[in-house]
PDB file of N, CA and C in Angstrom:
ATOM      1  N   MET A   1       6.917   2.095  -8.917  1.00  0.00           N
ATOM      2  CA  MET A   1       6.134   2.911  -7.922  1.00  0.00           C
ATOM      3  C   MET A   1       6.588   3.590  -7.155  1.00  0.00           C
ATOM      4  N   ARG A   2       7.191   3.176  -6.175  1.00  0.00           N
ATOM      5  CA  ARG A   2       7.762   3.543  -4.715  1.00  0.00           C
ATOM      6  C   ARG A   2       8.404   4.734  -5.005  1.00  0.00           C
ATOM      7  N   GLU A   3       9.159   4.488  -6.751  1.00  0.00           N
ATOM      8  CA  GLU A   3      10.383   6.042  -6.521  1.00  0.00           C
ATOM      9  C   GLU A   3       9.164   7.062  -7.281  1.00  0.00           C
ATOM     10  N   LEU A   4       8.413   6.715  -8.066  1.00  0.00           N
ATOM     11  CA  LEU A   4       7.235   7.845  -9.000  1.00  0.00           C
ATOM     12  C   LEU A   4       6.546   8.438  -7.486  1.00  0.00           C
ATOM     13  N   LEU A   5       5.973   7.474  -6.261  1.00  0.00           N
ATOM     14  CA  LEU A   5       5.225   8.386  -5.292  1.00  0.00           C
ATOM     15  C   LEU A   5       6.228   8.920  -4.625  1.00  0.00           C
ATOM     16  N   ALA A   6       7.200   8.729  -3.971  1.00  0.00           N
ATOM     17  CA  ALA A   6       8.547   9.482  -3.940  1.00  0.00           C
ATOM     18  C   ALA A   6       8.567  11.009  -4.216  1.00  0.00           C
ATOM     19  N   LYS A   7       8.398  10.882  -5.753  1.00  0.00           N
ATOM     20  CA  LYS A   7       8.351  12.364  -6.242  1.00  0.00           C
ATOM     21  C   LYS A   7       7.135  13.281  -6.022  1.00  0.00           C
ATOM     22  N   MET A   8       6.111  12.612  -5.769  1.00  0.00           N
ATOM     23  CA  MET A   8       5.003  13.526  -5.073  1.00  0.00           C
ATOM     24  C   MET A   8       4.898  13.691  -3.788  1.00  0.00           C
ATOM     25  N   VAL A   9       5.492  13.673  -3.059  1.00  0.00           N
ATOM     26  CA  VAL A   9       5.222  13.844  -1.456  1.00  0.00           C
ATOM     27  C   VAL A   9       5.049  15.380  -1.658  1.00  0.00           C
ATOM     28  N   GLY A  10       4.200  15.604  -0.520  1.00  0.00           N
ATOM     29  CA  GLY A  10       3.671  17.134  -0.391  1.00  0.00           C
ATOM     30  C   GLY A  10       2.892  17.613  -1.401  1.00  0.00           C
ATOM     31  N   LYS A  11       2.397  16.864  -2.289  1.00  0.00           N
ATOM     32  CA  LYS A  11       1.187  17.265  -3.500  1.00  0.00           C
ATOM     33  C   LYS A  11      -0.041  16.442  -3.026  1.00  0.00           C
ATOM     34  N   LYS A  12      -0.683  17.113  -3.440  1.00  0.00           N
ATOM     35  CA  LYS A  12      -2.278  16.640  -3.255  1.00  0.00           C
ATOM     36  C   LYS A  12      -2.251  15.654  -4.635  1.00  0.00           C
ATOM     37  N   ILE A  13      -2.734  14.277  -4.348  1.00  0.00           N
ATOM     38  CA  ILE A  13      -2.887  13.499  -4.948  1.00  0.00           C
ATOM     39  C   ILE A  13      -4.596  12.566  -5.545  1.00  0.00           C
ATOM     40  N   ASP A  14      -4.818  12.111  -6.642  1.00  0.00           N
ATOM     41  CA  ASP A  14      -5.783  11.221  -6.496  1.00  0.00           C
ATOM     42  C   ASP A  14      -5.116   9.571  -6.670  1.00  0.00           C
ATOM     43  N   MET A  15      -5.729   8.410  -6.110  1.00  0.00           N
ATOM     44  CA  MET A  15      -5.550   7.234  -6.272  1.00  0.00           C
ATOM     45  C   MET A  15      -6.396   6.378  -6.456  1.00  0.00           C
ATOM     46  N   PHE A  16      -5.972   5.293  -7.267  1.00  0.00           N
ATOM     47  CA  PHE A  16      -7.021   4.154  -7.466  1.00  0.00           C
ATOM     48  C   PHE A  16      -6.219   3.068  -7.046  1.00  0.00           C
ATOM     49  N   CYS A  17      -7.204   2.409  -6.513  1.00  0.00           N
ATOM     50  CA  CYS A  17      -6.635   0.901  -6.135  1.00  0.00           C
ATOM     51  C   CYS A  17      -7.500  -0.453  -6.687  1.00  0.00           C
ATOM     52  N   GLY A  18      -8.748  -0.079  -7.542  1.00  0.00           N
ATOM     53  CA  GLY A  18      -9.455  -0.985  -7.787  1.00  0.00           C
ATOM     54  C   GLY A  18     -10.798  -0.999  -7.482  1.00  0.00           C
ATOM     55  N   GLY A  19     -11.814  -1.689  -7.898  1.00  0.00           N
ATOM     56  CA  GLY A  19     -13.106  -1.486  -7.438  1.00  0.00           C
ATOM     57  C   GLY A  19     -13.708  -0.268  -7.323  1.00  0.00           C
ATOM     58  N   SER A  20     -14.276  -0.013  -6.278  1.00  0.00           N
ATOM     59  CA  SER A  20     -14.839   1.628  -5.784  1.00  0.00           C
ATOM     60  C   SER A  20     -13.427   2.041  -5.251  1.00  0.00           C
ATOM     61  N   SER A  21     -12.486   1.637  -4.724  1.00  0.00           N
ATOM     62  CA  SER A  21     -11.305   2.260  -3.883  1.00  0.00           C
ATOM     63  C   SER A  21     -10.686   3.668  -4.507  1.00  0.00           C
ATOM     64  N   SER A  22     -11.145   4.764  -4.471  1.00  0.00           N
ATOM     65  CA  SER A  22     -10.694   5.914  -4.973  1.00  0.00           C
ATOM     66  C   SER A  22     -10.676   6.907  -3.634  1.00  0.00           C
ATOM     67  N   LEU A  23      -9.310   7.281  -3.711  1.00  0.00           N
ATOM     68  CA  LEU A  23      -8.625   8.064  -2.530  1.00  0.00           C
ATOM     69  C   LEU A  23      -8.339   9.615  -3.358  1.00  0.00           C
ATOM     70  N   ARG A  24      -8.167  10.500  -2.485  1.00  0.00           N
ATOM     71  CA  ARG A  24      -7.477  11.864  -2.771  1.00  0.00           C
ATOM     72  C   ARG A  24      -7.077  12.512  -1.704  1.00  0.00           C
ATOM     73  N   GLY A  25      -6.110  12.915  -1.416  1.00  0.00           N
ATOM     74  CA  GLY A  25      -5.482  13.420  -0.426  1.00  0.00           C
ATOM     75  C   GLY A  25      -4.291  14.005  -0.438  1.00  0.00           C
ATOM     76  N   LYS A  26      -3.003  15.115   0.728  1.00  0.00           N
ATOM     77  CA  LYS A  26      -2.105  15.119   0.211  1.00  0.00           C
ATOM     78  C   LYS A  26      -0.854  13.801   0.856  1.00  0.00           C
ATOM     79  N   LEU A  27      -0.081  13.357  -0.281  1.00  0.00           N
ATOM     80  CA  LEU A  27       0.835  12.539  -0.093  1.00  0.00           C
ATOM     81  C   LEU A  27       1.799  13.326   0.908  1.00  0.00           C
ATOM     82  N   VAL A  28       2.107  12.629   2.348  1.00  0.00           N
ATOM     83  CA  VAL A  28       2.884  13.226   3.269  1.00  0.00           C
ATOM     84  C   VAL A  28       4.331  12.265   3.103  1.00  0.00           C
ATOM     85  N   LYS A  29       4.418  10.854   3.078  1.00  0.00           N
ATOM     86  CA  LYS A  29       5.446  10.109   3.191  1.00  0.00           C
ATOM     87  C   LYS A  29       5.210   8.746   2.365  1.00  0.00           C
ATOM     88  N   VAL A  30       6.277   8.317   1.761  1.00  0.00           N
ATOM     89  CA  VAL A  30       6.421   6.855   1.306  1.00  0.00           C
ATOM     90  C   VAL A  30       7.325   6.049   2.146  1.00  0.00           C
ATOM     91  N   ASP A  31       7.235   5.063   2.795  1.00  0.00           N
ATOM     92  CA  ASP A  31       8.029   4.328   3.767  1.00  0.00           C
ATOM     93  C   ASP A  31       7.421   3.007   3.740  1.00  0.00           C
ATOM     94  N   GLU A  32       8.449   2.022   3.782  1.00  0.00           N
ATOM     95  CA  GLU A  32       8.273   0.681   4.006  1.00  0.00           C
ATOM     96  C   GLU A  32       7.135   0.101   3.254  1.00  0.00           C
ATOM     97  N   GLY A  33       6.590   0.459   1.857  1.00  0.00           N
ATOM     98  CA  GLY A  33       5.958  -0.122   1.116  1.00  0.00           C
ATOM     99  C   GLY A  33       4.694   0.508   1.361  1.00  0.00           C
ATOM    100  N   VAL A  34       4.630   1.558   1.899  1.00  0.00           N
ATOM    101  CA  VAL A  34       3.482   2.292   2.426  1.00  0.00           C
ATOM    102  C   VAL A  34       3.569   3.874   2.124  1.00  0.00           C
ATOM    103  N   ALA A  35       2.123   4.429   1.769  1.00  0.00           N
ATOM    104  CA  ALA A  35       2.046   5.605   1.186  1.00  0.00           C
ATOM    105  C   ALA A  35       1.146   6.107   2.344  1.00  0.00           C
ATOM    106  N   HIS A  36       1.612   7.031   3.037  1.00  0.00           N
ATOM    107  CA  HIS A  36       1.266   7.942   4.261  1.00  0.00           C
ATOM    108  C   HIS A  36       0.250   9.114   3.482  1.00  0.00           C
ATOM    109  N   MET A  37      -0.859   9.499   3.816  1.00  0.00           N
ATOM    110  CA  MET A  37      -1.501  10.235   3.213  1.00  0.00           C
ATOM    111  C   MET A  37      -2.770  10.948   4.244  1.00  0.00           C
ATOM    112  N   VAL A  38      -3.003  12.498   4.026  1.00  0.00           N
ATOM    113  CA  VAL A  38      -3.855  12.976   4.979  1.00  0.00           C
ATOM    114  C   VAL A  38      -4.787  13.535   3.756  1.00  0.00           C
ATOM    115  N   ASP A  39      -6.082  13.409   4.360  1.00  0.00           N
ATOM    116  CA  ASP A  39      -7.526  13.797   3.608  1.00  0.00           C
ATOM    117  C   ASP A  39      -8.107  15.256   3.898  1.00  0.00           C
ATOM    118  N   GLU A  40      -9.036  16.125   3.146  1.00  0.00           N
ATOM    119  CA  GLU A  40      -9.503  16.878   3.137  1.00  0.00           C
ATOM    120  C   GLU A  40      -9.751  17.398   4.738  1.00  0.00           C
ATOM    121  N   ASP A  41      -9.979  16.107   5.508  1.00  0.00           N
ATOM    122  CA  ASP A  41     -10.696  16.711   7.005  1.00  0.00           C
ATOM    123  C   ASP A  41      -9.594  16.244   8.255  1.00  0.00           C
ATOM    124  N   ASP A  42      -8.266  16.175   7.192  1.00  0.00           N
ATOM    125  CA  ASP A  42      -6.678  15.997   8.246  1.00  0.00           C
ATOM    126  C   ASP A  42      -7.178  14.796   9.107  1.00  0.00           C
ATOM    127  N   GLN A  43      -7.719  13.474   8.345  1.00  0.00           N
ATOM    128  CA  GLN A  43      -7.461  12.095   8.792  1.00  0.00           C
ATOM    129  C   GLN A  43      -6.469  11.640   8.185  1.00  0.00           C
ATOM    130  N   MET A  44      -5.531  11.147   8.603  1.00  0.00           N
ATOM    131  CA  MET A  44      -4.538  10.488   8.281  1.00  0.00           C
ATOM    132  C   MET A  44      -4.760   8.860   7.885  1.00  0.00           C
ATOM    133  N   PHE A  45      -4.455   8.045   6.580  1.00  0.00           N
ATOM    134  CA  PHE A  45      -4.783   7.207   6.085  1.00  0.00           C
ATOM    135  C   PHE A  45      -3.477   6.638   5.306  1.00  0.00           C
ATOM    136  N   TYR A  46      -3.786   5.434   5.384  1.00  0.00           N
ATOM    137  CA  TYR A  46      -2.463   4.543   4.970  1.00  0.00           C
ATOM    138  C   TYR A  46      -2.744   3.589   4.060  1.00  0.00           C
ATOM    139  N   VAL A  47      -1.869   3.469   2.724  1.00  0.00           N
ATOM    140  CA  VAL A  47      -2.300   2.843   1.517  1.00  0.00           C
ATOM    141  C   VAL A  47      -0.880   2.041   1.148  1.00  0.00           C
ATOM    142  N   SER A  48      -1.535   0.568   0.864  1.00  0.00           N
ATOM    143  CA  SER A  48      -0.207  -0.258   0.440  1.00  0.00           C
ATOM    144  C   SER A  48       0.171  -0.173  -1.080  1.00  0.00           C
ATOM    145  N   ILE A  49       1.411   0.011  -1.227  1.00  0.00           N
ATOM    146  CA  ILE A  49       1.825   0.228  -2.606  1.00  0.00           C
ATOM    147  C   ILE A  49       1.538  -0.448  -3.397  1.00  0.00           C
ATOM    148  N   GLU A  50       1.792  -1.607  -3.100  1.00  0.00           N
ATOM    149  CA  GLU A  50       1.345  -2.822  -3.956  1.00  0.00           C
ATOM    150  C   GLU A  50       0.228  -2.977  -4.319  1.00  0.00           C
ATOM    151  N   ARG A  51      -1.027  -2.335  -3.897  1.00  0.00           N
ATOM    152  CA  ARG A  51      -2.559  -2.091  -3.993  1.00  0.00           C
ATOM    153  C   ARG A  51      -2.690  -0.905  -5.055  1.00  0.00           C
ATOM    154  N   ILE A  52      -1.984  -0.026  -5.389  1.00  0.00           N
ATOM    155  CA  ILE A  52      -1.949   1.172  -6.074  1.00  0.00           C
ATOM    156  C   ILE A  52      -2.176   0.509  -7.544  1.00  0.00           C
ATOM    157  N   ILE A  53      -2.917   1.329  -8.403  1.00  0.00           N
ATOM    158  CA  ILE A  53      -3.034   0.791  -9.516  1.00  0.00           C
ATOM    159  C   ILE A  53      -3.032   2.134 -10.680  1.00  0.00           C
ATOM    160  N   VAL A  54      -3.493   3.185 -10.098  1.00  0.00           N
ATOM    161  CA  VAL A  54      -3.127   4.436 -11.016  1.00  0.00           C
ATOM    162  C   VAL A  54      -3.140   5.534  -9.731  1.00  0.00           C
ATOM    163  N   PHE A  55      -2.277   6.537  -9.712  1.00  0.00           N
ATOM    164  CA  PHE A  55      -2.235   7.894  -9.327  1.00  0.00           C
ATOM    165  C   PHE A  55      -1.995   8.956 -10.159  1.00  0.00           C
ATOM    166  N   SER A  56      -2.465  10.102  -9.689  1.00  0.00           N
ATOM    167  CA  SER A  56      -1.998  11.333 -10.427  1.00  0.00           C
ATOM    168  C   SER A  56      -2.058  12.318  -9.741  1.00  0.00           C
ATOM    169  N   GLU A  57      -1.419  13.666  -9.909  1.00  0.00           N
ATOM    170  CA  GLU A  57      -1.598  14.462  -9.157  1.00  0.00           C
ATOM    171  C   GLU A  57      -2.891  15.605  -9.212  1.00  0.00           C
ATOM    172  N   THR A  58      -3.540  15.997  -8.468  1.00  0.00           N
ATOM    173  CA  THR A  58      -4.737  16.474  -8.193  1.00  0.00           C
ATOM    174  C   THR A  58      -4.739  17.781  -8.880  1.00  0.00           C
ATOM    175  N   LYS A  59      -5.316  18.548  -9.943  1.00  0.00           N
ATOM    176  CA  LYS A  59      -5.490  19.461 -10.376  1.00  0.00           C
ATOM    177  C   LYS A  59      -6.610  20.215  -9.911  1.00  0.00           C
ATOM    178  N   SER A  60      -6.807  21.607  -9.994  1.00  0.00           N
ATOM    179  CA  SER A  60      -7.952  22.512  -9.330  1.00  0.00           C
ATOM    180  C   SER A  60      -9.399  21.701  -9.827  1.00  0.00           C
ATOM    181  N   GLY A  61     -10.498  21.812  -8.845  1.00  0.00           N
ATOM    182  CA  GLY A  61     -11.822  21.448  -8.899  1.00  0.00           C
ATOM    183  C   GLY A  61     -11.748  20.435  -8.172  1.00  0.00           C
ATOM    184  N   GLU A  62     -13.058  19.703  -8.259  1.00  0.00           N
ATOM    185  CA  GLU A  62     -13.425  18.480  -7.399  1.00  0.00           C
ATOM    186  C   GLU A  62     -13.736  17.318  -8.299  1.00  0.00           C
ATOM    187  N   GLN A  63     -13.531  17.570  -9.485  1.00  0.00           N
ATOM    188  CA  GLN A  63     -13.393  16.101 -10.308  1.00  0.00           C
ATOM    189  C   GLN A  63     -12.363  15.589 -10.568  1.00  0.00           C
ATOM    190  N   ARG A  64     -12.391  14.432 -10.455  1.00  0.00           N
ATOM    191  CA  ARG A  64     -11.004  13.477 -10.256  1.00  0.00           C
ATOM    192  C   ARG A  64     -10.781  13.030 -11.204  1.00  0.00           C
ATOM    193  N   ALA A  65      -9.485  13.203 -11.988  1.00  0.00           N
ATOM    194  CA  ALA A  65      -8.708  12.684 -13.164  1.00  0.00           C
ATOM    195  C   ALA A  65      -9.369  11.130 -13.806  1.00  0.00           C
ATOM    196  N   GLY A  66     -10.073  11.297 -14.863  1.00  0.00           N
ATOM    197  CA  GLY A  66     -10.044  10.037 -15.382  1.00  0.00           C
ATOM    198  C   GLY A  66     -11.651   9.430 -15.049  1.00  0.00           C
ATOM    199  N   PHE A  67     -12.441  10.337 -14.114  1.00  0.00           N
ATOM    200  CA  PHE A  67     -13.637   9.884 -13.547  1.00  0.00           C
ATOM    201  C   PHE A  67     -14.360  10.624 -13.910  1.00  0.00           C
ATOM    202  N   VAL A  68     -15.808  10.463 -14.258  1.00  0.00           N
ATOM    203  CA  VAL A  68     -16.907  11.595 -14.583  1.00  0.00           C
ATOM    204  C   VAL A  68     -17.889  11.246 -13.552  1.00  0.00           C
ATOM    205  N   VAL A  69     -18.036  12.279 -13.062  1.00  0.00           N
ATOM    206  CA  VAL A  69     -19.229  12.064 -11.502  1.00  0.00           C
ATOM    207  C   VAL A  69     -20.467  12.601 -12.039  1.00  0.00           C
ATOM    208  N   GLY A  70     -21.545  11.980 -11.955  1.00  0.00           N
ATOM    209  CA  GLY A  70     -22.772  12.166 -11.932  1.00  0.00           C
ATOM    210  C   GLY A  70     -23.386  12.157 -13.367  1.00  0.00           C
ATOM    211  N   PHE A  71     -22.300  11.067 -14.380  1.00  0.00           N
ATOM    212  CA  PHE A  71     -22.785  10.907 -15.467  1.00  0.00           C
ATOM    213  C   PHE A  71     -24.115  10.047 -15.779  1.00  0.00           C
ATOM    214  N   ARG A  72     -25.016  10.166 -16.618  1.00  0.00           N
ATOM    215  CA  ARG A  72     -26.176   9.404 -16.878  1.00  0.00           C
ATOM    216  C   ARG A  72     -26.555   9.518 -17.929  1.00  0.00           C
ATOM    217  N   ARG A  73     -27.120   8.047 -18.440  1.00  0.00           N
ATOM    218  CA  ARG A  73     -27.544   8.293 -20.098  1.00  0.00           C
ATOM    219  C   ARG A  73     -28.817   7.900 -19.767  1.00  0.00           C
TER     220      ARG A  73
END
């Protein structure tokens, strides 16, 4: 996982860590088992690499990959 994340440094990514933990931001650095990210409000946050289940590069638009927002039956 660390090697894959390291290839994404400098890109905006979506990240899922389980439950309701869905994150989006620019990956700044991967260091010591921690992913350093900056969100849209320029807030720095840190994610333990061992907790990451899925991540992908963010494409244009607000909808996150793999998630449907506002879907109701």
